[in-house]
Amino acid sequence: KQRMQKHGLKENAYEYGLAKALVFIA
């Protein structure tokens, strides 16, 4: 939520990659 608010709640390739990386880490 913090990261997406930074981009005005718009989808962003980096944010998706970050979220996916966190899921992989988990």
PDB file of all heavy atoms in Angstrom:
ATOM      1  N   LYS A   1       0.841  -1.204   0.000  1.00  0.00           N
ATOM      2  CA  LYS A   1       0.000   0.000   0.000  1.00  0.00           C
ATOM      3  C   LYS A   1       0.871   1.247   0.000  1.00  0.00           C
ATOM      4  O   LYS A   1       0.608   2.209  -0.727  1.00  0.00           O
ATOM      5  CB  LYS A   1      -0.928  -0.009   1.217  1.00  0.00           C
ATOM      6  CG  LYS A   1      -2.109  -0.959   1.072  1.00  0.00           C
ATOM      7  CD  LYS A   1      -2.914  -1.062   2.349  1.00  0.00           C
ATOM      8  CE  LYS A   1      -3.601   0.238   2.693  1.00  0.00           C
ATOM      9  NZ  LYS A   1      -4.470   0.071   3.889  1.00  0.00           N
ATOM     10  N   GLN A   2       1.945   1.235   0.798  1.00  0.00           N
ATOM     11  CA  GLN A   2       2.855   2.381   0.853  1.00  0.00           C
ATOM     12  C   GLN A   2       3.528   2.595  -0.498  1.00  0.00           C
ATOM     13  O   GLN A   2       3.630   3.715  -0.993  1.00  0.00           O
ATOM     14  CB  GLN A   2       3.918   2.135   1.935  1.00  0.00           C
ATOM     15  CG  GLN A   2       4.913   3.265   2.124  1.00  0.00           C
ATOM     16  CD  GLN A   2       4.281   4.495   2.746  1.00  0.00           C
ATOM     17  OE1 GLN A   2       3.343   4.386   3.543  1.00  0.00           O
ATOM     18  NE2 GLN A   2       4.781   5.665   2.401  1.00  0.00           N
ATOM     19  N   ARG A   3       3.982   1.511  -1.114  1.00  0.00           N
ATOM     20  CA  ARG A   3       4.651   1.629  -2.404  1.00  0.00           C
ATOM     21  C   ARG A   3       3.686   2.107  -3.491  1.00  0.00           C
ATOM     22  O   ARG A   3       4.036   2.962  -4.310  1.00  0.00           O
ATOM     23  CB  ARG A   3       5.213   0.261  -2.816  1.00  0.00           C
ATOM     24  CG  ARG A   3       6.350  -0.245  -1.945  1.00  0.00           C
ATOM     25  CD  ARG A   3       7.627   0.517  -2.145  1.00  0.00           C
ATOM     26  NE  ARG A   3       8.014   0.586  -3.537  1.00  0.00           N
ATOM     27  CZ  ARG A   3       9.090   1.257  -3.972  1.00  0.00           C
ATOM     28  NH1 ARG A   3       9.869   1.890  -3.108  1.00  0.00           N
ATOM     29  NH2 ARG A   3       9.386   1.291  -5.254  1.00  0.00           N
ATOM     30  N   MET A   4       2.463   1.581  -3.505  1.00  0.00           N
ATOM     31  CA  MET A   4       1.519   1.950  -4.550  1.00  0.00           C
ATOM     32  C   MET A   4       0.990   3.369  -4.373  1.00  0.00           C
ATOM     33  O   MET A   4       0.705   4.058  -5.349  1.00  0.00           O
ATOM     34  CB  MET A   4       0.380   0.930  -4.609  1.00  0.00           C
ATOM     35  CG  MET A   4       0.856  -0.448  -5.061  1.00  0.00           C
ATOM     36  SD  MET A   4      -0.440  -1.690  -5.106  1.00  0.00           S
ATOM     37  CE  MET A   4      -1.387  -1.096  -6.514  1.00  0.00           C
ATOM     38  N   GLN A   5       0.876   3.809  -3.137  1.00  0.00           N
ATOM     39  CA  GLN A   5       0.468   5.194  -2.900  1.00  0.00           C
ATOM     40  C   GLN A   5       1.503   6.169  -3.449  1.00  0.00           C
ATOM     41  O   GLN A   5       1.177   7.264  -3.883  1.00  0.00           O
ATOM     42  CB  GLN A   5       0.243   5.424  -1.404  1.00  0.00           C
ATOM     43  CG  GLN A   5      -1.057   4.820  -0.892  1.00  0.00           C
ATOM     44  CD  GLN A   5      -1.168   4.854   0.620  1.00  0.00           C
ATOM     45  OE1 GLN A   5      -0.269   5.334   1.310  1.00  0.00           O
ATOM     46  NE2 GLN A   5      -2.244   4.314   1.148  1.00  0.00           N
ATOM     47  N   LYS A   6       2.750   5.735  -3.447  1.00  0.00           N
ATOM     48  CA  LYS A   6       3.832   6.547  -4.002  1.00  0.00           C
ATOM     49  C   LYS A   6       3.603   6.819  -5.482  1.00  0.00           C
ATOM     50  O   LYS A   6       4.013   7.850  -6.013  1.00  0.00           O
ATOM     51  CB  LYS A   6       5.166   5.822  -3.789  1.00  0.00           C
ATOM     52  CG  LYS A   6       6.390   6.539  -4.327  1.00  0.00           C
ATOM     53  CD  LYS A   6       7.640   5.729  -4.056  1.00  0.00           C
ATOM     54  CE  LYS A   6       8.871   6.412  -4.640  1.00  0.00           C
ATOM     55  NZ  LYS A   6      10.103   5.618  -4.413  1.00  0.00           N
ATOM     56  N   HIS A   7       2.937   5.892  -6.159  1.00  0.00           N
ATOM     57  CA  HIS A   7       2.666   6.031  -7.591  1.00  0.00           C
ATOM     58  C   HIS A   7       1.208   6.370  -7.869  1.00  0.00           C
ATOM     59  O   HIS A   7       0.708   6.110  -8.962  1.00  0.00           O
ATOM     60  CB  HIS A   7       3.038   4.728  -8.310  1.00  0.00           C
ATOM     61  CG  HIS A   7       4.468   4.339  -8.156  1.00  0.00           C
ATOM     62  ND1 HIS A   7       5.502   5.014  -8.771  1.00  0.00           N
ATOM     63  CD2 HIS A   7       5.063   3.358  -7.422  1.00  0.00           C
ATOM     64  CE1 HIS A   7       6.654   4.467  -8.441  1.00  0.00           C
ATOM     65  NE2 HIS A   7       6.414   3.468  -7.625  1.00  0.00           N
ATOM     66  N   GLY A   8       0.527   6.926  -6.880  1.00  0.00           N
ATOM     67  CA  GLY A   8      -0.861   7.307  -7.084  1.00  0.00           C
ATOM     68  C   GLY A   8      -1.776   6.133  -7.305  1.00  0.00           C
ATOM     69  O   GLY A   8      -2.757   6.242  -8.040  1.00  0.00           O
ATOM     70  N   LEU A   9      -1.450   4.977  -6.690  1.00  0.00           N
ATOM     71  CA  LEU A   9      -2.228   3.737  -6.786  1.00  0.00           C
ATOM     72  C   LEU A   9      -2.264   3.167  -8.198  1.00  0.00           C
ATOM     73  O   LEU A   9      -3.093   2.320  -8.505  1.00  0.00           O
ATOM     74  CB  LEU A   9      -3.662   3.946  -6.271  1.00  0.00           C
ATOM     75  CG  LEU A   9      -3.785   4.423  -4.826  1.00  0.00           C
ATOM     76  CD1 LEU A   9      -5.252   4.500  -4.438  1.00  0.00           C
ATOM     77  CD2 LEU A   9      -3.031   3.507  -3.866  1.00  0.00           C
ATOM     78  N   LYS A  10      -1.344   3.624  -9.071  1.00  0.00           N
ATOM     79  CA  LYS A  10      -1.284   3.085 -10.425  1.00  0.00           C
ATOM     80  C   LYS A  10      -0.395   1.839 -10.443  1.00  0.00           C
ATOM     81  O   LYS A  10       0.613   1.767  -9.746  1.00  0.00           O
ATOM     82  CB  LYS A  10      -0.716   4.128 -11.392  1.00  0.00           C
ATOM     83  CG  LYS A  10      -1.620   5.329 -11.576  1.00  0.00           C
ATOM     84  CD  LYS A  10      -0.995   6.328 -12.529  1.00  0.00           C
ATOM     85  CE  LYS A  10      -1.892   7.545 -12.726  1.00  0.00           C
ATOM     86  NZ  LYS A  10      -1.276   8.551 -13.629  1.00  0.00           N
ATOM     87  N   GLU A  11      -0.796   0.853 -11.254  1.00  0.00           N
ATOM     88  CA  GLU A  11       0.012  -0.349 -11.374  1.00  0.00           C
ATOM     89  C   GLU A  11       1.381   0.000 -11.931  1.00  0.00           C
ATOM     90  O   GLU A  11       1.535   0.923 -12.729  1.00  0.00           O
ATOM     91  CB  GLU A  11      -0.680  -1.384 -12.283  1.00  0.00           C
ATOM     92  CG  GLU A  11      -1.894  -2.048 -11.662  1.00  0.00           C
ATOM     93  CD  GLU A  11      -3.139  -1.203 -11.729  1.00  0.00           C
ATOM     94  OE1 GLU A  11      -3.108  -0.175 -12.432  1.00  0.00           O
ATOM     95  OE2 GLU A  11      -4.140  -1.560 -11.096  1.00  0.00           O
ATOM     96  N   ASN A  12       2.376  -0.759 -11.504  1.00  0.00           N
ATOM     97  CA  ASN A  12       3.746  -0.437 -11.853  1.00  0.00           C
ATOM     98  C   ASN A  12       4.531  -1.743 -11.933  1.00  0.00           C
ATOM     99  O   ASN A  12       4.406  -2.605 -11.063  1.00  0.00           O
ATOM    100  CB  ASN A  12       4.303   0.503 -10.772  1.00  0.00           C
ATOM    101  CG  ASN A  12       5.748   0.857 -10.974  1.00  0.00           C
ATOM    102  OD1 ASN A  12       6.628   0.032 -10.758  1.00  0.00           O
ATOM    103  ND2 ASN A  12       6.001   2.088 -11.371  1.00  0.00           N
ATOM    104  N   ALA A  13       5.345  -1.898 -12.963  1.00  0.00           N
ATOM    105  CA  ALA A  13       6.068  -3.161 -13.164  1.00  0.00           C
ATOM    106  C   ALA A  13       7.007  -3.463 -12.002  1.00  0.00           C
ATOM    107  O   ALA A  13       7.128  -4.608 -11.571  1.00  0.00           O
ATOM    108  CB  ALA A  13       6.845  -3.104 -14.476  1.00  0.00           C
ATOM    109  N   TYR A  14       7.662  -2.429 -11.476  1.00  0.00           N
ATOM    110  CA  TYR A  14       8.602  -2.659 -10.376  1.00  0.00           C
ATOM    111  C   TYR A  14       7.859  -3.135  -9.130  1.00  0.00           C
ATOM    112  O   TYR A  14       8.327  -4.028  -8.418  1.00  0.00           O
ATOM    113  CB  TYR A  14       9.389  -1.387 -10.061  1.00  0.00           C
ATOM    114  CG  TYR A  14      10.406  -1.581  -8.947  1.00  0.00           C
ATOM    115  CD1 TYR A  14      11.654  -2.143  -9.217  1.00  0.00           C
ATOM    116  CD2 TYR A  14      10.101  -1.224  -7.637  1.00  0.00           C
ATOM    117  CE1 TYR A  14      12.579  -2.337  -8.198  1.00  0.00           C
ATOM    118  CE2 TYR A  14      11.026  -1.414  -6.615  1.00  0.00           C
ATOM    119  CZ  TYR A  14      12.270  -1.966  -6.903  1.00  0.00           C
ATOM    120  OH  TYR A  14      13.180  -2.168  -5.884  1.00  0.00           O
ATOM    121  N   GLU A  15       6.705  -2.542  -8.866  1.00  0.00           N
ATOM    122  CA  GLU A  15       5.953  -2.909  -7.671  1.00  0.00           C
ATOM    123  C   GLU A  15       5.451  -4.347  -7.755  1.00  0.00           C
ATOM    124  O   GLU A  15       5.456  -5.076  -6.763  1.00  0.00           O
ATOM    125  CB  GLU A  15       4.778  -1.948  -7.445  1.00  0.00           C
ATOM    126  CG  GLU A  15       5.143  -0.475  -7.406  1.00  0.00           C
ATOM    127  CD  GLU A  15       6.316  -0.149  -6.497  1.00  0.00           C
ATOM    128  OE1 GLU A  15       6.624  -0.931  -5.579  1.00  0.00           O
ATOM    129  OE2 GLU A  15       6.941   0.896  -6.716  1.00  0.00           O
ATOM    130  N   TYR A  16       5.025  -4.751  -8.953  1.00  0.00           N
ATOM    131  CA  TYR A  16       4.601  -6.145  -9.104  1.00  0.00           C
ATOM    132  C   TYR A  16       5.787  -7.080  -8.883  1.00  0.00           C
ATOM    133  O   TYR A  16       5.675  -8.103  -8.203  1.00  0.00           O
ATOM    134  CB  TYR A  16       4.001  -6.383 -10.498  1.00  0.00           C
ATOM    135  CG  TYR A  16       3.589  -7.822 -10.703  1.00  0.00           C
ATOM    136  CD1 TYR A  16       2.386  -8.300 -10.206  1.00  0.00           C
ATOM    137  CD2 TYR A  16       4.431  -8.710 -11.380  1.00  0.00           C
ATOM    138  CE1 TYR A  16       2.013  -9.628 -10.373  1.00  0.00           C
ATOM    139  CE2 TYR A  16       4.070 -10.040 -11.541  1.00  0.00           C
ATOM    140  CZ  TYR A  16       2.864 -10.489 -11.042  1.00  0.00           C
ATOM    141  OH  TYR A  16       2.513 -11.803 -11.199  1.00  0.00           O
ATOM    142  N   GLY A  17       6.937  -6.708  -9.444  1.00  0.00           N
ATOM    143  CA  GLY A  17       8.136  -7.523  -9.254  1.00  0.00           C
ATOM    144  C   GLY A  17       8.555  -7.584  -7.798  1.00  0.00           C
ATOM    145  O   GLY A  17       8.993  -8.639  -7.308  1.00  0.00           O
ATOM    146  N   LEU A  18       8.403  -6.463  -7.087  1.00  0.00           N
ATOM    147  CA  LEU A  18       8.737  -6.434  -5.664  1.00  0.00           C
ATOM    148  C   LEU A  18       7.807  -7.366  -4.884  1.00  0.00           C
ATOM    149  O   LEU A  18       8.262  -8.161  -4.042  1.00  0.00           O
ATOM    150  CB  LEU A  18       8.631  -5.001  -5.145  1.00  0.00           C
ATOM    151  CG  LEU A  18       9.113  -4.712  -3.719  1.00  0.00           C
ATOM    152  CD1 LEU A  18       9.553  -3.256  -3.596  1.00  0.00           C
ATOM    153  CD2 LEU A  18       8.027  -4.999  -2.693  1.00  0.00           C
ATOM    154  N   ALA A  19       6.511  -7.271  -5.162  1.00  0.00           N
ATOM    155  CA  ALA A  19       5.544  -8.118  -4.465  1.00  0.00           C
ATOM    156  C   ALA A  19       5.813  -9.592  -4.752  1.00  0.00           C
ATOM    157  O   ALA A  19       5.766 -10.437  -3.849  1.00  0.00           O
ATOM    158  CB  ALA A  19       4.123  -7.744  -4.885  1.00  0.00           C
ATOM    159  N   LYS A  20       6.116  -9.898  -5.998  1.00  0.00           N
ATOM    160  CA  LYS A  20       6.399 -11.280  -6.379  1.00  0.00           C
ATOM    161  C   LYS A  20       7.657 -11.782  -5.675  1.00  0.00           C
ATOM    162  O   LYS A  20       7.712 -12.935  -5.209  1.00  0.00           O
ATOM    163  CB  LYS A  20       6.556 -11.367  -7.899  1.00  0.00           C
ATOM    164  CG  LYS A  20       6.553 -12.783  -8.443  1.00  0.00           C
ATOM    165  CD  LYS A  20       6.549 -12.741  -9.973  1.00  0.00           C
ATOM    166  CE  LYS A  20       6.535 -14.153 -10.544  1.00  0.00           C
ATOM    167  NZ  LYS A  20       6.523 -14.136 -12.035  1.00  0.00           N
ATOM    168  N   ALA A  21       8.685 -10.911  -5.575  1.00  0.00           N
ATOM    169  CA  ALA A  21       9.918 -11.293  -4.885  1.00  0.00           C
ATOM    170  C   ALA A  21       9.649 -11.583  -3.411  1.00  0.00           C
ATOM    171  O   ALA A  21      10.196 -12.543  -2.849  1.00  0.00           O
ATOM    172  CB  ALA A  21      10.959 -10.178  -5.022  1.00  0.00           C
ATOM    173  N   LEU A  22       8.791 -10.780  -2.775  1.00  0.00           N
ATOM    174  CA  LEU A  22       8.461 -11.021  -1.369  1.00  0.00           C
ATOM    175  C   LEU A  22       7.750 -12.365  -1.196  1.00  0.00           C
ATOM    176  O   LEU A  22       8.008 -13.086  -0.223  1.00  0.00           O
ATOM    177  CB  LEU A  22       7.599  -9.886  -0.824  1.00  0.00           C
ATOM    178  CG  LEU A  22       8.291  -8.528  -0.632  1.00  0.00           C
ATOM    179  CD1 LEU A  22       7.297  -7.491  -0.125  1.00  0.00           C
ATOM    180  CD2 LEU A  22       9.483  -8.635   0.315  1.00  0.00           C
ATOM    181  N   VAL A  23       6.887 -12.698  -2.138  1.00  0.00           N
ATOM    182  CA  VAL A  23       6.189 -13.987  -2.060  1.00  0.00           C
ATOM    183  C   VAL A  23       7.186 -15.135  -2.234  1.00  0.00           C
ATOM    184  O   VAL A  23       7.125 -16.146  -1.527  1.00  0.00           O
ATOM    185  CB  VAL A  23       5.056 -14.064  -3.104  1.00  0.00           C
ATOM    186  CG1 VAL A  23       4.461 -15.469  -3.159  1.00  0.00           C
ATOM    187  CG2 VAL A  23       3.960 -13.049  -2.759  1.00  0.00           C
ATOM    188  N   PHE A  24       8.144 -14.957  -3.152  1.00  0.00           N
ATOM    189  CA  PHE A  24       9.185 -15.972  -3.328  1.00  0.00           C
ATOM    190  C   PHE A  24      10.020 -16.119  -2.059  1.00  0.00           C
ATOM    191  O   PHE A  24      10.360 -17.233  -1.645  1.00  0.00           O
ATOM    192  CB  PHE A  24      10.098 -15.612  -4.501  1.00  0.00           C
ATOM    193  CG  PHE A  24       9.533 -15.940  -5.847  1.00  0.00           C
ATOM    194  CD1 PHE A  24       9.809 -15.139  -6.947  1.00  0.00           C
ATOM    195  CD2 PHE A  24       8.725 -17.055  -6.038  1.00  0.00           C
ATOM    196  CE1 PHE A  24       9.297 -15.425  -8.188  1.00  0.00           C
ATOM    197  CE2 PHE A  24       8.204 -17.352  -7.281  1.00  0.00           C
ATOM    198  CZ  PHE A  24       8.483 -16.542  -8.371  1.00  0.00           C
ATOM    199  N   ILE A  25      10.365 -14.982  -1.439  1.00  0.00           N
ATOM    200  CA  ILE A  25      11.155 -15.014  -0.204  1.00  0.00           C
ATOM    201  C   ILE A  25      10.388 -15.759   0.882  1.00  0.00           C
ATOM    202  O   ILE A  25      10.955 -16.563   1.626  1.00  0.00           O
ATOM    203  CB  ILE A  25      11.505 -13.581   0.247  1.00  0.00           C
ATOM    204  CG1 ILE A  25      12.551 -12.974  -0.700  1.00  0.00           C
ATOM    205  CG2 ILE A  25      12.026 -13.564   1.686  1.00  0.00           C
ATOM    206  CD1 ILE A  25      12.777 -11.491  -0.492  1.00  0.00           C
ATOM    207  N   ALA A  26       9.100 -15.489   0.955  1.00  0.00           N
ATOM    208  CA  ALA A  26       8.279 -16.183   1.951  1.00  0.00           C
ATOM    209  C   ALA A  26       8.260 -17.687   1.686  1.00  0.00           C
ATOM    210  O   ALA A  26       8.464 -18.496   2.590  1.00  0.00           O
ATOM    211  CB  ALA A  26       6.854 -15.621   1.940  1.00  0.00           C
TER     212      ALA A  26
END
